[in-house]
Amino acid sequence: MNNNDLVSYVDKVAQAEVGEVFITDSGNVASVRLKLDGEGHAALLVGTGQAGHTSLASEQVGDLTSALADQVQ
């Protein structure tokens, strides 16, 4: 992922609704905005190996990220 793609991805995550999962085009990284009790912003980032070399499908990476986010909220 080049710098422009990374900035675009981070911007999408920052503007997302709480609980909305974003998966990179490579399918091996996903992020989700977390709900906070107070003010501020937080996100969970999950990476699963190198792009194209992970045994998880992008949908599975998204499901894993969502499940982990549910556990910490």
C-alpha atoms as a PDB file:
ATOM      1  CA  MET A   1       0.000   0.000   0.000  1.00  0.00           C
ATOM      2  CA  ASN A   2       1.516   3.317  -1.009  1.00  0.00           C
ATOM      3  CA  ASN A   3       1.284   6.462   1.121  1.00  0.00           C
ATOM      4  CA  ASN A   4      -1.671   7.946  -0.775  1.00  0.00           C
ATOM      5  CA  ASP A   5      -3.649   4.709  -0.428  1.00  0.00           C
ATOM      6  CA  LEU A   6      -2.807   4.535   3.272  1.00  0.00           C
ATOM      7  CA  VAL A   7      -3.953   8.122   3.906  1.00  0.00           C
ATOM      8  CA  SER A   8      -7.179   7.453   1.983  1.00  0.00           C
ATOM      9  CA  TYR A   9      -7.804   4.279   3.992  1.00  0.00           C
ATOM     10  CA  VAL A  10      -7.199   6.026   7.335  1.00  0.00           C
ATOM     11  CA  ASP A  11      -9.526   8.860   6.292  1.00  0.00           C
ATOM     12  CA  LYS A  12     -12.297   6.350   5.507  1.00  0.00           C
ATOM     13  CA  VAL A  13     -11.873   4.670   8.886  1.00  0.00           C
ATOM     14  CA  ALA A  14     -11.877   8.035  10.674  1.00  0.00           C
ATOM     15  CA  GLN A  15     -15.167   9.031   9.015  1.00  0.00           C
ATOM     16  CA  ALA A  16     -16.845   5.660   9.514  1.00  0.00           C
ATOM     17  CA  GLU A  17     -19.711   4.956  11.844  1.00  0.00           C
ATOM     18  CA  VAL A  18     -18.946   3.042  15.030  1.00  0.00           C
ATOM     19  CA  GLY A  19     -18.808  -0.661  14.210  1.00  0.00           C
ATOM     20  CA  GLU A  20     -18.294  -0.142  10.478  1.00  0.00           C
ATOM     21  CA  VAL A  21     -15.499  -2.410   9.212  1.00  0.00           C
ATOM     22  CA  PHE A  22     -13.165  -1.369   6.384  1.00  0.00           C
ATOM     23  CA  ILE A  23     -10.992  -3.939   4.628  1.00  0.00           C
ATOM     24  CA  THR A  24      -7.971  -2.977   2.528  1.00  0.00           C
ATOM     25  CA  ASP A  25      -7.943  -3.898  -1.157  1.00  0.00           C
ATOM     26  CA  SER A  26      -5.322  -6.527  -0.355  1.00  0.00           C
ATOM     27  CA  GLY A  27      -7.823  -8.206   1.986  1.00  0.00           C
ATOM     28  CA  ASN A  28      -5.364  -8.908   4.785  1.00  0.00           C
ATOM     29  CA  VAL A  29      -5.949  -5.785   6.922  1.00  0.00           C
ATOM     30  CA  ALA A  30      -9.201  -4.499   8.408  1.00  0.00           C
ATOM     31  CA  SER A  31     -10.126  -1.666  10.750  1.00  0.00           C
ATOM     32  CA  VAL A  32     -13.240  -0.815  12.716  1.00  0.00           C
ATOM     33  CA  ARG A  33     -14.174   2.304  14.698  1.00  0.00           C
ATOM     34  CA  LEU A  34     -14.824   1.572  18.348  1.00  0.00           C
ATOM     35  CA  LYS A  35     -17.392   3.108  20.654  1.00  0.00           C
ATOM     36  CA  LEU A  36     -15.941   5.072  23.548  1.00  0.00           C
ATOM     37  CA  ASP A  37     -17.563   5.966  26.862  1.00  0.00           C
ATOM     38  CA  GLY A  38     -16.076   9.449  26.690  1.00  0.00           C
ATOM     39  CA  GLU A  39     -14.897  11.806  23.992  1.00  0.00           C
ATOM     40  CA  GLY A  40     -12.327  10.947  21.366  1.00  0.00           C
ATOM     41  CA  HIS A  41     -11.805   8.331  18.706  1.00  0.00           C
ATOM     42  CA  ALA A  42     -10.476   4.790  18.715  1.00  0.00           C
ATOM     43  CA  ALA A  43     -10.107   2.078  16.105  1.00  0.00           C
ATOM     44  CA  LEU A  44      -9.058  -1.549  16.074  1.00  0.00           C
ATOM     45  CA  LEU A  45      -6.653  -2.595  13.317  1.00  0.00           C
ATOM     46  CA  VAL A  46      -6.235  -6.286  12.473  1.00  0.00           C
ATOM     47  CA  GLY A  47      -3.584  -7.624  10.106  1.00  0.00           C
ATOM     48  CA  THR A  48      -3.355 -11.234   8.975  1.00  0.00           C
ATOM     49  CA  GLY A  49      -0.049 -11.875   7.266  1.00  0.00           C
ATOM     50  CA  GLN A  50       1.294 -10.517   4.014  1.00  0.00           C
ATOM     51  CA  ALA A  51      -1.017  -9.453   1.203  1.00  0.00           C
ATOM     52  CA  GLY A  52      -1.843 -12.489  -0.906  1.00  0.00           C
ATOM     53  CA  HIS A  53      -0.203 -14.879   1.578  1.00  0.00           C
ATOM     54  CA  THR A  54      -2.775 -15.178   4.332  1.00  0.00           C
ATOM     55  CA  SER A  55      -5.012 -18.216   4.697  1.00  0.00           C
ATOM     56  CA  LEU A  56      -8.039 -16.040   5.526  1.00  0.00           C
ATOM     57  CA  ALA A  57     -10.353 -14.601   2.882  1.00  0.00           C
ATOM     58  CA  SER A  58     -11.036 -10.858   3.114  1.00  0.00           C
ATOM     59  CA  GLU A  59     -14.574 -11.577   4.359  1.00  0.00           C
ATOM     60  CA  GLN A  60     -13.105 -13.684   7.176  1.00  0.00           C
ATOM     61  CA  VAL A  61     -10.706 -10.867   8.076  1.00  0.00           C
ATOM     62  CA  GLY A  62     -13.680  -8.501   8.283  1.00  0.00           C
ATOM     63  CA  ASP A  63     -15.687 -10.940  10.399  1.00  0.00           C
ATOM     64  CA  LEU A  64     -12.721 -11.463  12.744  1.00  0.00           C
ATOM     65  CA  THR A  65     -12.248  -7.708  13.120  1.00  0.00           C
ATOM     66  CA  SER A  66     -15.939  -7.206  13.878  1.00  0.00           C
ATOM     67  CA  ALA A  67     -15.943 -10.025  16.453  1.00  0.00           C
ATOM     68  CA  LEU A  68     -12.862  -8.646  18.220  1.00  0.00           C
ATOM     69  CA  ALA A  69     -14.379  -5.151  18.263  1.00  0.00           C
ATOM     70  CA  ASP A  70     -17.526  -6.541  19.898  1.00  0.00           C
ATOM     71  CA  GLN A  71     -15.378  -8.015  22.675  1.00  0.00           C
ATOM     72  CA  VAL A  72     -13.640  -4.738  23.564  1.00  0.00           C
ATOM     73  CA  GLN A  73     -16.678  -2.464  23.458  1.00  0.00           C
END
